[in-house]
Amino acid sequence: MGERKTREGVVVGDKMQKTRVVRIERVYRHPRYQRVVRSSKKLKAHDENNESRIGDRVIIEETRPLSKEKRWRIRQIVSRLS
């Protein structure tokens, strides 16, 4: 069995119970034009104890489907926004 995928991102939504919206940002160089490109996507992650807040930097890990759109779980809070 392989290791579960993990990503680091910022919490951008905490309106739902036990669910957080996390923005994952990816920075890469364009293959033809060599320009630095920033792209991001928003993923829904499970937060059992409602511990994280908007602005927190978190590490999320892949898990089984928990709901229609939720396939990630918050593993740890890296830093808090005061």
Protein backbone atom coordinates (compact mmCIF):
# COMPACT_ATOMS: atom_id res chain seq x y z
CA MET A 1 0.00 0.00 0.00
CA GLY A 2 1.21 3.48 -0.82
CA GLU A 3 1.39 6.53 1.39
CA ARG A 4 -1.69 8.77 1.46
CA LYS A 5 -1.44 12.03 -0.46
CA THR A 6 -0.89 15.11 1.68
CA ARG A 7 -1.19 18.77 0.73
CA GLU A 8 -0.58 22.05 2.55
CA GLY A 9 -3.08 24.87 2.22
CA VAL A 10 -4.90 27.75 3.84
CA VAL A 11 -8.41 27.54 5.33
CA VAL A 12 -10.68 29.94 3.40
CA GLY A 13 -14.08 28.79 4.66
CA ASP A 14 -15.37 27.61 8.04
CA LYS A 15 -19.13 28.15 7.84
CA MET A 16 -20.02 24.43 7.79
CA GLN A 17 -19.96 22.12 10.79
CA LYS A 18 -17.00 19.70 10.79
CA THR A 19 -15.99 20.83 7.28
CA ARG A 20 -13.41 23.37 6.13
CA VAL A 21 -12.71 24.73 2.67
CA VAL A 22 -8.94 24.66 2.05
CA ARG A 23 -7.21 26.48 -0.83
CA ILE A 24 -4.25 24.58 -2.27
CA GLU A 25 -1.88 26.74 -4.32
CA ARG A 26 0.43 25.30 -6.95
CA VAL A 27 3.33 27.28 -8.43
CA TYR A 28 4.99 25.95 -11.58
CA ARG A 29 6.86 27.16 -14.65
CA HIS A 30 4.98 27.18 -17.97
CA PRO A 31 6.52 24.54 -20.26
CA ARG A 32 6.72 26.77 -23.35
CA TYR A 33 6.87 30.35 -22.09
CA GLN A 34 8.93 29.71 -18.92
CA ARG A 35 6.66 32.10 -17.01
CA VAL A 36 5.84 31.36 -13.37
CA VAL A 37 2.17 30.37 -13.13
CA ARG A 38 0.12 30.26 -9.91
CA SER A 39 -2.96 28.08 -9.89
CA SER A 40 -5.16 27.11 -6.96
CA LYS A 41 -8.05 24.82 -6.20
CA LYS A 42 -10.42 24.61 -3.27
CA LEU A 43 -10.95 21.28 -1.52
CA LYS A 44 -13.35 20.39 1.27
CA ALA A 45 -11.70 18.77 4.28
CA HIS A 46 -13.11 17.09 7.38
CA ASP A 47 -12.34 18.76 10.73
CA GLU A 48 -13.86 16.60 13.47
CA ASN A 49 -13.54 19.07 16.38
CA ASN A 50 -14.03 22.35 14.46
CA GLU A 51 -10.53 23.44 15.57
CA SER A 52 -9.30 25.33 12.49
CA ARG A 53 -10.34 28.86 11.56
CA ILE A 54 -10.09 31.05 8.45
CA GLY A 55 -6.46 31.93 7.71
CA ASP A 56 -4.94 28.88 9.42
CA ARG A 57 -2.28 26.98 7.49
CA VAL A 58 -3.11 23.24 7.58
CA ILE A 59 -1.89 19.90 6.28
CA ILE A 60 -4.65 17.74 4.80
CA GLU A 61 -4.51 14.08 3.84
CA GLU A 62 -6.49 12.01 1.40
CA THR A 63 -9.16 9.72 2.84
CA ARG A 64 -12.18 7.69 1.77
CA PRO A 65 -15.20 9.68 0.52
CA LEU A 66 -16.91 11.23 3.55
CA SER A 67 -19.66 13.03 1.62
CA LYS A 68 -20.50 14.11 -1.92
CA GLU A 69 -17.50 16.46 -2.23
CA LYS A 70 -15.40 15.69 0.86
CA ARG A 71 -12.39 13.40 0.28
CA TRP A 72 -9.78 15.01 2.55
CA ARG A 73 -9.17 15.18 6.31
CA ILE A 74 -7.24 17.82 8.25
CA ARG A 75 -4.19 16.10 9.74
CA GLN A 76 -2.64 19.05 11.59
CA ILE A 77 -2.71 22.82 11.96
CA VAL A 78 0.73 24.15 11.00
CA SER A 79 0.24 27.79 12.00
CA ARG A 80 -2.62 29.88 13.30
CA LEU A 81 -3.67 33.34 12.20
CA SER A 82 -3.82 35.34 15.44
